[in-house]
Amino acid sequence: QVQLVESGGGLVQAGGSLRLSCAASGLTFSQLAMGWFRQAPGKEREFVASISAWGGVTYYTDSVKGRFTISRDNAKNTVALQMNAMSPEDTAVYYCAADQFRRIPTKLAGGYTNWGQGTQVTVSS
């Protein structure tokens, strides 16, 4: 079956960096758009970044542009989110998502067919 497993979350001070990784199995990874979403306590899940199947197209939410970078390694079936210059507002559970119907990513959570279990990211001030 399809599995998405996130790793790399943790506690970091404001201004610091973290790198999240998502390992995918059970799907044809190189043909799927992938995305990262996050959900803070008491808030709805929000789009963070997405990447096309071949890696040439990326989208970011405005609040992370210039700080976060999404990338993928189709040989290893992994997608990563490099997070720099982090702030307490980045504190959330981060989810990896796969879209089995699109090669070009969407920013809409409803467009993704599979989700990981999430990894907690906490940024202290």
Foldseek 3Di string as FASTA:
>chain_A
DKAKAKDWADEAAAQAKTKMKIAIDDAQQLQWKKFKWWDDPPGDIFGAKIAFSPRPDMDGDPVQPPFWDWGDDSVRRMIMIIGGNDDQVPWTWMKMFIQRPGRGDDRDPVRTDDIHPTDTHGYHD
